[in-house]
Amino acid sequence: MLVIAGTTLAEQVRAEASHGCSPVFFHHVVRAFERLVETLNRGARPQPSNVAEQLCTHLMITQARELACVAGEVYVTGLPISGYDYNFPRLYDTLLPDDEHDHLVEMGEALAAGEAAFSFIALADLMSREAMNAFFATFGTENA
C-alpha cells in the first residue's frame, strides 16, 4: 500500500506543480516520492535522507492508512495476511525515528484547500531559498 500511496502522491504533486510557481521545488518533491517508491519496489526499507523524504514518507503512510480503510481488501486480495499489515503507528515509529518534519506536516495540512489533505503549493510559497535548500539537503550536510 505504501507503493500505491507514493505513486499516487507523486502524481498529485505533478498535477499541483502546474499551479505553482516553484517548478524546481515540485520536481525535487516528486523525485523524493519516486526514490521512496523505488526503494520499496526493491523490497528494501526506505531510509529518508533529508527532511523532504521524511515528509514524503509521513504522507505515504497517511495515504496508505486511508487506502486501507477505503479499499484495502482490493489491494491485498491473494496476498498472505500478517499481523503487521495495518500497524500504521508502528510504521511511523520505524520509518520516521525523529519528528524533524512534523511542523511541515501540520503547515501543509492546515493550508490545504478543498478536499486536498496537504498543500505543497502553500509549503513552497512559505519557504525561503535557504529553507528549501535545508529541506532537500542530505542529513549531515546542512553546514557543509
Foldseek 3Di string as FASTA:
>chain_A
DLLVLLVVVLVVLVVLCVVADCVVLSVLLSVLSVVCSVCVVVVHQDADQALSNLVSQVSSLVSVLVCCVVPVCVVCVPPDDDPCPNVSVVSCCVRPVDCPNVVVQVVQQVPDDDPDRGDPRSVVVPDDPLRSCRRNDGPPPNPD
